[in-house]
């Protein structure tokens, strides 16, 4: 749209009191006479250069998100393979009835509430023993891995589609009657493991079972993989009560069970491998690579945990001020539509980060090297401690985020002199809503495998809309 909705009004002090000569992002009152007319307008046809980038920053995976396992493939994003690595912990040092115990079974139960791909097809999950423990001095990213035994401790094949498995009470009336509703919830995957391993664990001395340091020397942990014909990825919840590792055994005619702990306090991470071969993203071969939207049917791509982000810049924004002269920016919104793709699950949030020419997200100079994410559009954009989320609207099929103060800083060169200059913005997808107490680093760590496609041309395209007031 070209210069739409132009309204001309006579200057009235009470209406335009927001102009301040102390802030060079707006018109000064001394420059406006009582009979000078002001035009209030908006413009949304700025050129936006967009490109999909494979972010060069490593993605933290240790202790983050669910345990992702499986494989998904589609024409837009290629093949993503996920493998989980997990350390289990001892709870008690003693095994009741250990003498003469006969193992009945050893079961790993994995509750899941996250799925991608075709969950109507059989999925085979395999469990392997790690060859070495987690290192307390290592940092684990989505491209990290741990060696594991080729032989499996156990496998299970199942259809992971959710089933109606229980009825929950949702309300109770004063008369005592209840209202219930059936809810879909997936039954945990139950994988029977090697009984020989179970017997070895039961036979351990109390000193081994009583010390996690000693226990991981004996049993370092497990890797959870999927067969190469997998059509889905599942996210197993380490927080669920129904996620556990139990040994069922009989001693002296009495049945017992011994449980090993699986919680978010355990050492764990997910390895994520993306293969773009045969897709529009095939040109992204290494971290830092960029693929202009013009080369990919005017589309840009986002995927959490893989490093697919979109870089945008506004090449003609400064010409806007030069053309109009004195202009006050009242509001600037970035509107990012998500393309409608069958079976595609878009990310619920996006965040905007400043970037350099190498497509690396710029960092603050604090002790944690906090990413330079834009804050609320009406606040100073350069504090970075509170990155502002752009929430996805399912009704409008778009994200909308206020970047007023950032646009003002670009137009009037008010970016702090002590920080590296920005070379555009990175759009980063996320499933986390930033609130007080959220670590900004978590917004760039492993989350889910949601995929989002952004249109950069046509009626429903990414756009910068700037509302402004200028002297006529």
Foldseek 3Di string as FASTA:
>chain_A
DAFPDKDKDQDDCVVPVVADPVDQLADHPVVDDNGFIKIWTKGWPFDKWKWKAQAQDFFFFKLDAFQKAFWAADQAFGIKGKKKWFFWAFDALADPQLVPKDFPFKKFWFFFDDKAFQLQDKWKKFKWFFPAADDPPDTDTLADDGHTDPDTQWMDIDRFPWDFDDKDWDDADPVGDTDIDTDTGTGTDMIIGHVVVVNVVSPDHSVQNVDRVNVCVVGRTMMMYIDPPTHMMTGTALADPRGWIKIWIDHPNDIDIGTIHRHSPTTMGMHMDTAQPNHLCNVRDHHLDIGICVSVVQKAKAWFSRRTWMWMDRVCLLVVCVVFPRKRWPWKKKKWAWDDDPSADAFFKKWKFFADPSNHFQFDPDPVRQGQIAAALVDQRGPRQHTAIFGADPVRRITMGINNNVSSCVNVVPDDPPGDDGPTMIIHGANDGDDPPDDSSSRSHGYGGGMTMTHCDDPRHIIMMTIMMGTD
